[in-house]
Amino acid sequence: MDHPIDPKTDCVFKALLGAENNRDLLIHFLNAILGADLPSPVTQVDILNPYNEREFVTDKLSIVDVKARDDHDRLYQAEIQLVNHRDLPARILYTWADLYSQQLQSGQDYDALQPTYSIWLLGEDLLRGDPCYAHRYRLRDERDRCLLDHGGIYLFELNKFAAEQVETEEQRWLKFFKDGEHLNADHLPDWMQTPEMRQAMTTLKAFSDKERAYHVYQARQDFLRQQRSIQRELDDERAARTAERQAKEAALQAQQDALQGQQAALQAQQDALQGQQAALQAQQAALQAGEAERQAKEAALAEIERLKALYDRDRPAGT
C-alpha cells in the first residue's frame, strides 16, 4: 500500500462493514462478534445506511455507524468510537433504545419487536477499573434470569485487547482493527490469511491507492484529530474547574474547621471561667459556713459566760 490506513478511522470502518460490496464482511463480523448469543447465524443482511464516499467528502458530520437488518428482521448496529466523553455510556444506551423502538410503526403491537444488537468498538478505555476488554450487556436480573431475549449492547475496548494468538473469529476481527494500520498488504501474518481478512485488506488498500479515497481518509483523520484536541481541551477545562472547585471547598472547609476550633477554644474558656466561678462560689460558701460556725461558737461562749455570771451572782457568799 502507498499509505498506511487505520481501519479504526470512521470512514474506513464504514466502508469495511457498510459498503454494499462488503456485505459478506458485515455478515462474518456479526456472526464472529455475536456468536452464540444469536438464535441462528446471520446469513443475509440489508444495509440500512450504506457507505457513501461522497457523504464523507461534503459532510464532516456524516453518520458513521452501520445499521442492518437480517432476513429474520433482527436489527444490528456497529460503530467505532475513538474518543470517549462523559456522556458516552448514555449515548450508547440511547442509540440501542432508539433503534429498538423505531421498529414499531403506527398500529403495530409489541409482538412485532425483534432483537436488536448494538456493537461498539472503543479506541479508549471506558471501564478503567475493569481489565476485561469485552463487555456484553443483556436484559437479565441479578440471578441471570432473562427478562426478554431481545439482543443487547456489546462493548469492546481495543486498548485492553492483547491476544497474540488468534483463536476465534472475534479475536481475528479485534486484532485487525487494533493492528490493521501496521499491516503490510504484501506480507500478511498467518492470522490474516483468511478470505474475509484479505477482502478487508483490499478495502484498506483502496483507501491507500485511490487519490479520492485517500483524500477522504486524510480529511476524516484531520477531523478526528480536531475532535480529540477539542475533547482534551474540554477535559482539561473540566479538570481545572474541578480542581478550582475542590480548592475552594478545601479552603472553605479549612475556614469552617478554624472557626469550629475558635468556637471550641471559646467554649473551653467559658467552661474554665464557669469552673473558676463555681470554685469561687464554693470558697465563699465555705467562708460563710466558717463565719457562721465562728459566730455560733462565740454565741455559745457568750451564753456560757452569761450563765456563769448568773450563777456566780446567785451563789451564797462563802460557798
C-alpha atoms as a PDB file:
ATOM      1  CA  MET A   1       0.000   0.000   0.000  1.00  0.00           C
ATOM      2  CA  ASP A   2       1.162   3.558  -0.699  1.00  0.00           C
ATOM      3  CA  HIS A   3      -0.003   4.811   2.684  1.00  0.00           C
ATOM      4  CA  PRO A   4      -0.809   3.084   5.998  1.00  0.00           C
ATOM      5  CA  ILE A   5      -4.556   3.078   6.648  1.00  0.00           C
ATOM      6  CA  ASP A   6      -6.106   2.763  10.095  1.00  0.00           C
ATOM      7  CA  PRO A   7      -9.295   0.645   9.963  1.00  0.00           C
ATOM      8  CA  LYS A   8     -10.477   2.407  13.136  1.00  0.00           C
ATOM      9  CA  THR A   9     -10.965   5.658  11.213  1.00  0.00           C
ATOM     10  CA  ASP A  10     -14.720   6.002  10.921  1.00  0.00           C
ATOM     11  CA  CYS A  11     -14.924   6.319   7.123  1.00  0.00           C
ATOM     12  CA  VAL A  12     -12.740   3.199   6.712  1.00  0.00           C
ATOM     13  CA  PHE A  13     -14.776   1.342   9.327  1.00  0.00           C
ATOM     14  CA  LYS A  14     -17.978   2.162   7.498  1.00  0.00           C
ATOM     15  CA  ALA A  15     -16.508   1.189   4.138  1.00  0.00           C
ATOM     16  CA  LEU A  16     -15.387  -2.149   5.599  1.00  0.00           C
ATOM     17  CA  LEU A  17     -18.752  -3.088   7.105  1.00  0.00           C
ATOM     18  CA  GLY A  18     -21.224  -0.736   5.455  1.00  0.00           C
ATOM     19  CA  ALA A  19     -20.375  -0.883   1.757  1.00  0.00           C
ATOM     20  CA  GLU A  20     -22.682  -2.968  -0.407  1.00  0.00           C
ATOM     21  CA  ASN A  21     -19.733  -4.817  -1.938  1.00  0.00           C
ATOM     22  CA  ASN A  22     -18.571  -5.776   1.581  1.00  0.00           C
ATOM     23  CA  ARG A  23     -21.899  -7.208   2.693  1.00  0.00           C
ATOM     24  CA  ASP A  24     -20.307 -10.609   3.323  1.00  0.00           C
ATOM     25  CA  LEU A  25     -17.747  -8.939   5.607  1.00  0.00           C
ATOM     26  CA  LEU A  26     -20.561  -7.492   7.705  1.00  0.00           C
ATOM     27  CA  ILE A  27     -22.239 -10.900   7.924  1.00  0.00           C
ATOM     28  CA  HIS A  28     -18.965 -12.525   9.012  1.00  0.00           C
ATOM     29  CA  PHE A  29     -18.304  -9.728  11.533  1.00  0.00           C
ATOM     30  CA  LEU A  30     -21.772 -10.034  13.109  1.00  0.00           C
ATOM     31  CA  ASN A  31     -21.510 -13.810  13.456  1.00  0.00           C
ATOM     32  CA  ALA A  32     -17.979 -13.519  14.868  1.00  0.00           C
ATOM     33  CA  ILE A  33     -18.883 -10.893  17.482  1.00  0.00           C
ATOM     34  CA  LEU A  34     -22.356 -12.058  18.492  1.00  0.00           C
ATOM     35  CA  GLY A  35     -21.701 -15.780  18.162  1.00  0.00           C
ATOM     36  CA  ALA A  36     -23.733 -17.959  20.498  1.00  0.00           C
ATOM     37  CA  ASP A  37     -25.981 -15.070  21.539  1.00  0.00           C
ATOM     38  CA  LEU A  38     -27.767 -15.261  18.205  1.00  0.00           C
ATOM     39  CA  PRO A  39     -30.725 -17.666  17.957  1.00  0.00           C
ATOM     40  CA  SER A  40     -29.414 -18.552  14.493  1.00  0.00           C
ATOM     41  CA  PRO A  41     -26.463 -17.356  12.414  1.00  0.00           C
ATOM     42  CA  VAL A  42     -26.783 -14.315  10.187  1.00  0.00           C
ATOM     43  CA  THR A  43     -26.911 -15.409   6.551  1.00  0.00           C
ATOM     44  CA  GLN A  44     -28.239 -12.327   4.780  1.00  0.00           C
ATOM     45  CA  VAL A  45     -28.491  -8.624   5.609  1.00  0.00           C
ATOM     46  CA  ASP A  46     -29.872  -5.419   4.193  1.00  0.00           C
ATOM     47  CA  ILE A  47     -27.635  -2.470   4.993  1.00  0.00           C
ATOM     48  CA  LEU A  48     -29.958   0.332   6.075  1.00  0.00           C
ATOM     49  CA  ASN A  49     -27.417   3.179   5.717  1.00  0.00           C
ATOM     50  CA  PRO A  50     -24.794   2.010   3.196  1.00  0.00           C
ATOM     51  CA  TYR A  51     -21.404   3.659   2.851  1.00  0.00           C
ATOM     52  CA  ASN A  52     -21.309   6.650   0.514  1.00  0.00           C
ATOM     53  CA  GLU A  53     -17.898   8.153  -0.145  1.00  0.00           C
ATOM     54  CA  ARG A  54     -19.350  11.472  -1.278  1.00  0.00           C
ATOM     55  CA  GLU A  55     -21.028  11.992   2.103  1.00  0.00           C
ATOM     56  CA  PHE A  56     -17.647  11.985   3.831  1.00  0.00           C
ATOM     57  CA  VAL A  57     -16.221  14.459   1.315  1.00  0.00           C
ATOM     58  CA  THR A  58     -19.006  17.024   1.757  1.00  0.00           C
ATOM     59  CA  ASP A  59     -20.171  16.417   5.340  1.00  0.00           C
ATOM     60  CA  LYS A  60     -17.787  16.004   8.282  1.00  0.00           C
ATOM     61  CA  LEU A  61     -20.748  15.023  10.462  1.00  0.00           C
ATOM     62  CA  SER A  62     -21.767  12.063   8.305  1.00  0.00           C
ATOM     63  CA  ILE A  63     -23.488   9.147  10.003  1.00  0.00           C
ATOM     64  CA  VAL A  64     -20.611   6.776  10.640  1.00  0.00           C
ATOM     65  CA  ASP A  65     -22.289   3.772  12.216  1.00  0.00           C
ATOM     66  CA  VAL A  66     -23.555   0.772  10.264  1.00  0.00           C
ATOM     67  CA  LYS A  67     -27.157  -0.346  10.619  1.00  0.00           C
ATOM     68  CA  ALA A  68     -28.524  -3.535   9.101  1.00  0.00           C
ATOM     69  CA  ARG A  69     -31.497  -5.921   9.199  1.00  0.00           C
ATOM     70  CA  ASP A  70     -31.242  -9.652   8.557  1.00  0.00           C
ATOM     71  CA  ASP A  71     -33.757 -11.995   6.959  1.00  0.00           C
ATOM     72  CA  HIS A  72     -35.304 -12.664  10.410  1.00  0.00           C
ATOM     73  CA  ASP A  73     -35.893  -8.893  10.849  1.00  0.00           C
ATOM     74  CA  ARG A  74     -33.293  -8.712  13.604  1.00  0.00           C
ATOM     75  CA  LEU A  75     -31.553  -5.326  13.777  1.00  0.00           C
ATOM     76  CA  TYR A  76     -27.840  -4.606  14.096  1.00  0.00           C
ATOM     77  CA  GLN A  77     -25.783  -1.500  14.736  1.00  0.00           C
ATOM     78  CA  ALA A  78     -21.976  -1.346  14.649  1.00  0.00           C
ATOM     79  CA  GLU A  79     -19.954   1.761  15.487  1.00  0.00           C
ATOM     80  CA  ILE A  80     -16.371   2.754  16.152  1.00  0.00           C
ATOM     81  CA  GLN A  81     -15.726   5.383  18.855  1.00  0.00           C
ATOM     82  CA  LEU A  82     -12.158   6.641  19.130  1.00  0.00           C
ATOM     83  CA  VAL A  83     -12.676   9.395  21.714  1.00  0.00           C
ATOM     84  CA  ASN A  84     -14.540   8.821  24.951  1.00  0.00           C
ATOM     85  CA  HIS A  85     -16.544  11.527  26.642  1.00  0.00           C
ATOM     86  CA  ARG A  86     -18.573  11.845  29.813  1.00  0.00           C
ATOM     87  CA  ASP A  87     -21.933  11.040  28.225  1.00  0.00           C
ATOM     88  CA  LEU A  88     -20.790   8.147  26.034  1.00  0.00           C
ATOM     89  CA  PRO A  89     -22.482   5.400  28.125  1.00  0.00           C
ATOM     90  CA  ALA A  90     -25.786   7.281  27.914  1.00  0.00           C
ATOM     91  CA  ARG A  91     -25.334   7.716  24.164  1.00  0.00           C
ATOM     92  CA  ILE A  92     -24.605   4.006  23.717  1.00  0.00           C
ATOM     93  CA  LEU A  93     -27.770   3.041  25.583  1.00  0.00           C
ATOM     94  CA  TYR A  94     -29.839   5.673  23.785  1.00  0.00           C
ATOM     95  CA  THR A  95     -28.785   4.548  20.302  1.00  0.00           C
ATOM     96  CA  TRP A  96     -29.729   0.954  21.135  1.00  0.00           C
ATOM     97  CA  ALA A  97     -33.098   2.022  22.581  1.00  0.00           C
ATOM     98  CA  ASP A  98     -33.762   4.323  19.630  1.00  0.00           C
ATOM     99  CA  LEU A  99     -33.060   1.614  17.068  1.00  0.00           C
ATOM    100  CA  TYR A 100     -35.167  -0.881  19.028  1.00  0.00           C
ATOM    101  CA  SER A 101     -38.131   1.476  19.400  1.00  0.00           C
ATOM    102  CA  GLN A 102     -38.116   2.595  15.766  1.00  0.00           C
ATOM    103  CA  GLN A 103     -39.305  -0.846  14.701  1.00  0.00           C
ATOM    104  CA  LEU A 104     -42.924  -0.149  15.634  1.00  0.00           C
ATOM    105  CA  GLN A 105     -44.995   1.743  13.124  1.00  0.00           C
ATOM    106  CA  SER A 106     -48.393   3.242  13.785  1.00  0.00           C
ATOM    107  CA  GLY A 107     -50.906   0.492  14.609  1.00  0.00           C
ATOM    108  CA  GLN A 108     -48.286  -2.209  15.290  1.00  0.00           C
ATOM    109  CA  ASP A 109     -48.252  -4.164  18.548  1.00  0.00           C
ATOM    110  CA  TYR A 110     -45.301  -5.072  20.749  1.00  0.00           C
ATOM    111  CA  ASP A 111     -45.104  -8.589  19.322  1.00  0.00           C
ATOM    112  CA  ALA A 112     -43.689  -7.011  16.165  1.00  0.00           C
ATOM    113  CA  LEU A 113     -40.490  -6.067  18.027  1.00  0.00           C
ATOM    114  CA  GLN A 114     -37.406  -8.083  17.095  1.00  0.00           C
ATOM    115  CA  PRO A 115     -33.999  -8.489  18.800  1.00  0.00           C
ATOM    116  CA  THR A 116     -31.640  -5.547  18.385  1.00  0.00           C
ATOM    117  CA  TYR A 117     -27.866  -5.829  18.767  1.00  0.00           C
ATOM    118  CA  SER A 118     -25.529  -2.864  19.230  1.00  0.00           C
ATOM    119  CA  ILE A 119     -21.762  -3.361  18.818  1.00  0.00           C
ATOM    120  CA  TRP A 120     -19.259  -0.683  19.836  1.00  0.00           C
ATOM    121  CA  LEU A 121     -15.510  -0.775  19.250  1.00  0.00           C
ATOM    122  CA  LEU A 122     -13.830   1.741  21.565  1.00  0.00           C
ATOM    123  CA  GLY A 123     -10.446   3.321  20.926  1.00  0.00           C
ATOM    124  CA  GLU A 124     -10.063   4.453  24.538  1.00  0.00           C
ATOM    125  CA  ASP A 125     -10.785   2.709  27.825  1.00  0.00           C
ATOM    126  CA  LEU A 126     -14.295   3.295  29.079  1.00  0.00           C
ATOM    127  CA  LEU A 127     -14.367   0.986  32.114  1.00  0.00           C
ATOM    128  CA  ARG A 128     -10.984   1.827  33.572  1.00  0.00           C
ATOM    129  CA  GLY A 129     -11.337  -0.280  36.680  1.00  0.00           C
ATOM    130  CA  ASP A 130     -12.049  -3.450  34.690  1.00  0.00           C
ATOM    131  CA  PRO A 131      -9.186  -5.296  32.923  1.00  0.00           C
ATOM    132  CA  CYS A 132     -11.542  -7.201  30.604  1.00  0.00           C
ATOM    133  CA  TYR A 133     -11.782  -5.923  27.033  1.00  0.00           C
ATOM    134  CA  ALA A 134     -15.200  -7.424  26.201  1.00  0.00           C
ATOM    135  CA  HIS A 135     -18.460  -6.419  27.898  1.00  0.00           C
ATOM    136  CA  ARG A 136     -21.835  -7.881  26.943  1.00  0.00           C
ATOM    137  CA  TYR A 137     -24.930  -6.239  28.397  1.00  0.00           C
ATOM    138  CA  ARG A 138     -28.187  -8.187  28.237  1.00  0.00           C
ATOM    139  CA  LEU A 139     -31.615  -7.799  29.851  1.00  0.00           C
ATOM    140  CA  ARG A 140     -31.042 -10.063  32.866  1.00  0.00           C
ATOM    141  CA  ASP A 141     -31.594  -9.821  36.616  1.00  0.00           C
ATOM    142  CA  GLU A 142     -29.163 -10.442  39.476  1.00  0.00           C
ATOM    143  CA  ARG A 143     -29.732 -14.215  39.175  1.00  0.00           C
ATOM    144  CA  ASP A 144     -29.028 -14.212  35.431  1.00  0.00           C
ATOM    145  CA  ARG A 145     -32.677 -14.714  34.529  1.00  0.00           C
ATOM    146  CA  CYS A 146     -33.615 -13.234  31.181  1.00  0.00           C
ATOM    147  CA  LEU A 147     -36.417 -10.674  31.051  1.00  0.00           C
ATOM    148  CA  LEU A 148     -36.626 -10.723  27.255  1.00  0.00           C
ATOM    149  CA  ASP A 149     -34.092 -12.143  24.832  1.00  0.00           C
ATOM    150  CA  HIS A 150     -34.138  -9.171  22.502  1.00  0.00           C
ATOM    151  CA  GLY A 151     -30.468  -8.514  21.896  1.00  0.00           C
ATOM    152  CA  GLY A 152     -28.098  -6.352  23.885  1.00  0.00           C
ATOM    153  CA  ILE A 153     -25.136  -3.992  23.851  1.00  0.00           C
ATOM    154  CA  TYR A 154     -21.613  -5.273  23.149  1.00  0.00           C
ATOM    155  CA  LEU A 155     -18.592  -3.129  24.020  1.00  0.00           C
ATOM    156  CA  PHE A 156     -15.004  -3.946  23.055  1.00  0.00           C
ATOM    157  CA  GLU A 157     -12.153  -1.828  24.443  1.00  0.00           C
ATOM    158  CA  LEU A 158      -9.389  -2.256  21.884  1.00  0.00           C
ATOM    159  CA  ASN A 159      -6.620  -0.885  24.126  1.00  0.00           C
ATOM    160  CA  LYS A 160      -7.181  -3.790  26.521  1.00  0.00           C
ATOM    161  CA  PHE A 161      -7.181  -6.430  23.778  1.00  0.00           C
ATOM    162  CA  ALA A 162      -3.743  -8.055  23.764  1.00  0.00           C
ATOM    163  CA  ALA A 163      -4.140 -11.567  22.285  1.00  0.00           C
ATOM    164  CA  GLU A 164      -1.004 -12.657  20.459  1.00  0.00           C
ATOM    165  CA  GLN A 165      -2.508 -15.879  19.166  1.00  0.00           C
ATOM    166  CA  VAL A 166      -5.823 -15.639  17.337  1.00  0.00           C
ATOM    167  CA  GLU A 167      -8.116 -18.459  18.443  1.00  0.00           C
ATOM    168  CA  THR A 168     -11.565 -17.176  17.468  1.00  0.00           C
ATOM    169  CA  GLU A 169     -13.046 -15.108  14.662  1.00  0.00           C
ATOM    170  CA  GLU A 170     -13.942 -12.451  17.216  1.00  0.00           C
ATOM    171  CA  GLN A 171     -10.281 -12.133  18.156  1.00  0.00           C
ATOM    172  CA  ARG A 172      -9.330 -12.012  14.485  1.00  0.00           C
ATOM    173  CA  TRP A 173     -11.577  -9.004  13.851  1.00  0.00           C
ATOM    174  CA  LEU A 174     -10.479  -7.190  17.012  1.00  0.00           C
ATOM    175  CA  LYS A 175      -6.802  -7.736  16.222  1.00  0.00           C
ATOM    176  CA  PHE A 176      -7.404  -6.476  12.679  1.00  0.00           C
ATOM    177  CA  PHE A 177      -8.995  -3.256  13.934  1.00  0.00           C
ATOM    178  CA  LYS A 178      -6.287  -2.745  16.549  1.00  0.00           C
ATOM    179  CA  ASP A 179      -3.233  -3.602  14.408  1.00  0.00           C
ATOM    180  CA  GLY A 180      -4.505  -3.124  10.859  1.00  0.00           C
ATOM    181  CA  GLU A 181      -2.735   0.205  10.352  1.00  0.00           C
ATOM    182  CA  HIS A 182       0.636  -1.525  10.708  1.00  0.00           C
ATOM    183  CA  LEU A 183      -0.031  -4.473   8.385  1.00  0.00           C
ATOM    184  CA  ASN A 184       1.826  -4.947   5.116  1.00  0.00           C
ATOM    185  CA  ALA A 185      -0.662  -5.983   2.455  1.00  0.00           C
ATOM    186  CA  ASP A 186       2.068  -7.886   0.586  1.00  0.00           C
ATOM    187  CA  HIS A 187       3.288  -9.791   3.656  1.00  0.00           C
ATOM    188  CA  LEU A 188       0.289 -10.568   5.820  1.00  0.00           C
ATOM    189  CA  PRO A 189       0.786 -12.603   9.010  1.00  0.00           C
ATOM    190  CA  ASP A 190      -0.750 -16.058   9.297  1.00  0.00           C
ATOM    191  CA  TRP A 191      -3.749 -14.845  11.295  1.00  0.00           C
ATOM    192  CA  MET A 192      -4.733 -12.621   8.367  1.00  0.00           C
ATOM    193  CA  GLN A 193      -4.730 -15.462   5.863  1.00  0.00           C
ATOM    194  CA  THR A 194      -8.493 -15.885   5.552  1.00  0.00           C
ATOM    195  CA  PRO A 195     -10.805 -14.788   2.714  1.00  0.00           C
ATOM    196  CA  GLU A 196     -12.505 -12.204   4.956  1.00  0.00           C
ATOM    197  CA  MET A 197      -9.261 -10.622   6.144  1.00  0.00           C
ATOM    198  CA  ARG A 198      -7.831 -10.486   2.637  1.00  0.00           C
ATOM    199  CA  GLN A 199     -11.023  -8.773   1.479  1.00  0.00           C
ATOM    200  CA  ALA A 200     -10.735  -6.324   4.388  1.00  0.00           C
ATOM    201  CA  MET A 201      -7.153  -5.526   3.359  1.00  0.00           C
ATOM    202  CA  THR A 202      -8.398  -4.884  -0.168  1.00  0.00           C
ATOM    203  CA  THR A 203     -10.642  -2.163   1.255  1.00  0.00           C
ATOM    204  CA  LEU A 204      -7.723  -0.634   3.152  1.00  0.00           C
ATOM    205  CA  LYS A 205      -5.594  -0.778   0.008  1.00  0.00           C
ATOM    206  CA  ALA A 206      -8.303   1.076  -1.933  1.00  0.00           C
ATOM    207  CA  PHE A 207      -8.135   3.935   0.564  1.00  0.00           C
ATOM    208  CA  SER A 208      -4.364   3.989   0.257  1.00  0.00           C
ATOM    209  CA  ASP A 209      -4.039   3.757  -3.516  1.00  0.00           C
ATOM    210  CA  LYS A 210      -7.000   5.777  -4.815  1.00  0.00           C
ATOM    211  CA  GLU A 211      -6.394   9.508  -4.613  1.00  0.00           C
ATOM    212  CA  ARG A 212     -10.025  10.429  -3.909  1.00  0.00           C
ATOM    213  CA  ALA A 213     -10.441   7.742  -1.249  1.00  0.00           C
ATOM    214  CA  TYR A 214      -7.167   8.753   0.402  1.00  0.00           C
ATOM    215  CA  HIS A 215      -8.325  12.376   0.391  1.00  0.00           C
ATOM    216  CA  VAL A 216     -11.473  11.282   2.225  1.00  0.00           C
ATOM    217  CA  TYR A 217      -9.350   9.296   4.687  1.00  0.00           C
ATOM    218  CA  GLN A 218      -6.995  12.215   5.346  1.00  0.00           C
ATOM    219  CA  ALA A 219      -9.928  14.599   5.806  1.00  0.00           C
ATOM    220  CA  ARG A 220     -11.524  12.271   8.343  1.00  0.00           C
ATOM    221  CA  GLN A 221      -8.212  11.817  10.146  1.00  0.00           C
ATOM    222  CA  ASP A 222      -7.840  15.594  10.376  1.00  0.00           C
ATOM    223  CA  PHE A 223     -11.409  15.942  11.609  1.00  0.00           C
ATOM    224  CA  LEU A 224     -10.868  13.254  14.233  1.00  0.00           C
ATOM    225  CA  ARG A 225      -7.634  14.910  15.380  1.00  0.00           C
ATOM    226  CA  GLN A 226      -9.550  18.141  15.820  1.00  0.00           C
ATOM    227  CA  GLN A 227     -12.236  16.290  17.767  1.00  0.00           C
ATOM    228  CA  ARG A 228      -9.643  14.685  20.023  1.00  0.00           C
ATOM    229  CA  SER A 229      -7.960  18.043  20.553  1.00  0.00           C
ATOM    230  CA  ILE A 230     -11.275  19.679  21.415  1.00  0.00           C
ATOM    231  CA  GLN A 231     -12.165  16.807  23.732  1.00  0.00           C
ATOM    232  CA  ARG A 232      -8.800  17.034  25.503  1.00  0.00           C
ATOM    233  CA  GLU A 233      -9.249  20.784  25.869  1.00  0.00           C
ATOM    234  CA  LEU A 234     -12.715  20.252  27.320  1.00  0.00           C
ATOM    235  CA  ASP A 235     -11.365  17.573  29.645  1.00  0.00           C
ATOM    236  CA  ASP A 236      -8.556  19.899  30.763  1.00  0.00           C
ATOM    237  CA  GLU A 237     -11.019  22.726  31.372  1.00  0.00           C
ATOM    238  CA  ARG A 238     -13.325  20.400  33.271  1.00  0.00           C
ATOM    239  CA  ALA A 239     -10.379  19.123  35.331  1.00  0.00           C
ATOM    240  CA  ALA A 240      -9.242  22.705  36.032  1.00  0.00           C
ATOM    241  CA  ARG A 241     -12.748  23.700  37.109  1.00  0.00           C
ATOM    242  CA  THR A 242     -12.971  20.620  39.284  1.00  0.00           C
ATOM    243  CA  ALA A 243      -9.583  21.372  40.861  1.00  0.00           C
ATOM    244  CA  GLU A 244     -10.590  25.006  41.444  1.00  0.00           C
ATOM    245  CA  ARG A 245     -13.886  23.949  42.984  1.00  0.00           C
ATOM    246  CA  GLN A 246     -12.133  21.402  45.197  1.00  0.00           C
ATOM    247  CA  ALA A 247      -9.570  24.029  46.268  1.00  0.00           C
ATOM    248  CA  LYS A 248     -12.364  26.456  47.170  1.00  0.00           C
ATOM    249  CA  GLU A 249     -14.192  23.716  49.036  1.00  0.00           C
ATOM    250  CA  ALA A 250     -10.976  22.787  50.863  1.00  0.00           C
ATOM    251  CA  ALA A 251     -10.370  26.449  51.784  1.00  0.00           C
ATOM    252  CA  LEU A 252     -13.952  26.815  52.961  1.00  0.00           C
ATOM    253  CA  GLN A 253     -13.639  23.622  54.973  1.00  0.00           C
ATOM    254  CA  ALA A 254     -10.402  24.906  56.490  1.00  0.00           C
ATOM    255  CA  GLN A 255     -12.144  28.140  57.432  1.00  0.00           C
ATOM    256  CA  GLN A 256     -15.025  26.205  58.935  1.00  0.00           C
ATOM    257  CA  ASP A 257     -12.585  23.972  60.828  1.00  0.00           C
ATOM    258  CA  ALA A 258     -10.719  27.064  62.104  1.00  0.00           C
ATOM    259  CA  LEU A 259     -13.995  28.665  63.158  1.00  0.00           C
ATOM    260  CA  GLN A 260     -15.033  25.492  64.906  1.00  0.00           C
ATOM    261  CA  GLY A 261     -11.611  25.441  66.606  1.00  0.00           C
ATOM    262  CA  GLN A 262     -12.070  29.022  67.733  1.00  0.00           C
ATOM    263  CA  GLN A 263     -15.563  28.219  68.945  1.00  0.00           C
ATOM    264  CA  ALA A 264     -14.223  25.192  70.804  1.00  0.00           C
ATOM    265  CA  ALA A 265     -11.483  27.324  72.400  1.00  0.00           C
ATOM    266  CA  LEU A 266     -14.034  29.969  73.387  1.00  0.00           C
ATOM    267  CA  GLN A 267     -16.259  27.278  74.832  1.00  0.00           C
ATOM    268  CA  ALA A 268     -13.293  25.887  76.754  1.00  0.00           C
ATOM    269  CA  GLN A 269     -12.552  29.380  78.107  1.00  0.00           C
ATOM    270  CA  GLN A 270     -16.199  29.790  79.078  1.00  0.00           C
ATOM    271  CA  ASP A 271     -16.144  26.367  80.738  1.00  0.00           C
ATOM    272  CA  ALA A 272     -12.942  27.314  82.613  1.00  0.00           C
ATOM    273  CA  LEU A 273     -14.469  30.631  83.700  1.00  0.00           C
ATOM    274  CA  GLN A 274     -17.581  28.850  84.884  1.00  0.00           C
ATOM    275  CA  GLY A 275     -15.338  26.432  86.773  1.00  0.00           C
ATOM    276  CA  GLN A 276     -13.500  29.298  88.373  1.00  0.00           C
ATOM    277  CA  GLN A 277     -16.788  30.963  89.267  1.00  0.00           C
ATOM    278  CA  ALA A 278     -18.050  27.698  90.783  1.00  0.00           C
ATOM    279  CA  ALA A 279     -14.827  27.367  92.763  1.00  0.00           C
ATOM    280  CA  LEU A 280     -15.131  30.961  93.975  1.00  0.00           C
ATOM    281  CA  GLN A 281     -18.735  30.372  94.965  1.00  0.00           C
ATOM    282  CA  ALA A 282     -17.648  27.226  96.817  1.00  0.00           C
ATOM    283  CA  GLN A 283     -14.948  29.226  98.620  1.00  0.00           C
ATOM    284  CA  GLN A 284     -17.451  31.914  99.504  1.00  0.00           C
ATOM    285  CA  ALA A 285     -19.877  29.285 100.764  1.00  0.00           C
ATOM    286  CA  ALA A 286     -17.069  27.726 102.826  1.00  0.00           C
ATOM    287  CA  LEU A 287     -16.164  31.136 104.240  1.00  0.00           C
ATOM    288  CA  GLN A 288     -19.779  31.833 105.044  1.00  0.00           C
ATOM    289  CA  ALA A 289     -20.087  28.428 106.708  1.00  0.00           C
ATOM    290  CA  GLY A 290     -16.890  29.121 108.727  1.00  0.00           C
ATOM    291  CA  GLU A 291     -18.159  32.514 109.689  1.00  0.00           C
ATOM    292  CA  ALA A 292     -21.489  31.064 110.778  1.00  0.00           C
ATOM    293  CA  GLU A 293     -19.658  28.407 112.751  1.00  0.00           C
ATOM    294  CA  ARG A 294     -17.445  31.058 114.405  1.00  0.00           C
ATOM    295  CA  GLN A 295     -20.441  33.172 115.237  1.00  0.00           C
ATOM    296  CA  ALA A 296     -22.222  30.128 116.682  1.00  0.00           C
ATOM    297  CA  LYS A 297     -19.170  29.335 118.841  1.00  0.00           C
ATOM    298  CA  GLU A 298     -18.912  32.925 120.006  1.00  0.00           C
ATOM    299  CA  ALA A 299     -22.627  32.933 120.804  1.00  0.00           C
ATOM    300  CA  ALA A 300     -22.227  29.672 122.734  1.00  0.00           C
ATOM    301  CA  LEU A 301     -19.254  31.073 124.676  1.00  0.00           C
ATOM    302  CA  ALA A 302     -21.147  34.259 125.393  1.00  0.00           C
ATOM    303  CA  GLU A 303     -24.082  32.216 126.677  1.00  0.00           C
ATOM    304  CA  ILE A 304     -21.763  30.218 128.896  1.00  0.00           C
ATOM    305  CA  GLU A 305     -20.256  33.387 130.259  1.00  0.00           C
ATOM    306  CA  ARG A 306     -23.703  34.821 130.872  1.00  0.00           C
ATOM    307  CA  LEU A 307     -24.869  31.693 132.696  1.00  0.00           C
ATOM    308  CA  LYS A 308     -21.663  31.615 134.682  1.00  0.00           C
ATOM    309  CA  ALA A 309     -22.162  35.220 135.700  1.00  0.00           C
ATOM    310  CA  LEU A 310     -25.730  34.500 136.809  1.00  0.00           C
ATOM    311  CA  TYR A 311     -24.517  31.531 138.762  1.00  0.00           C
ATOM    312  CA  ASP A 312     -21.815  33.490 140.499  1.00  0.00           C
ATOM    313  CA  ARG A 313     -24.291  36.249 141.351  1.00  0.00           C
ATOM    314  CA  ASP A 314     -26.902  33.966 142.876  1.00  0.00           C
ATOM    315  CA  ARG A 315     -24.463  31.711 144.809  1.00  0.00           C
ATOM    316  CA  PRO A 316     -24.441  32.396 148.568  1.00  0.00           C
ATOM    317  CA  ALA A 317     -21.385  34.014 149.872  1.00  0.00           C
ATOM    318  CA  GLY A 318     -18.758  31.691 151.260  1.00  0.00           C
ATOM    319  CA  THR A 319     -19.881  28.699 149.256  1.00  0.00           C
END
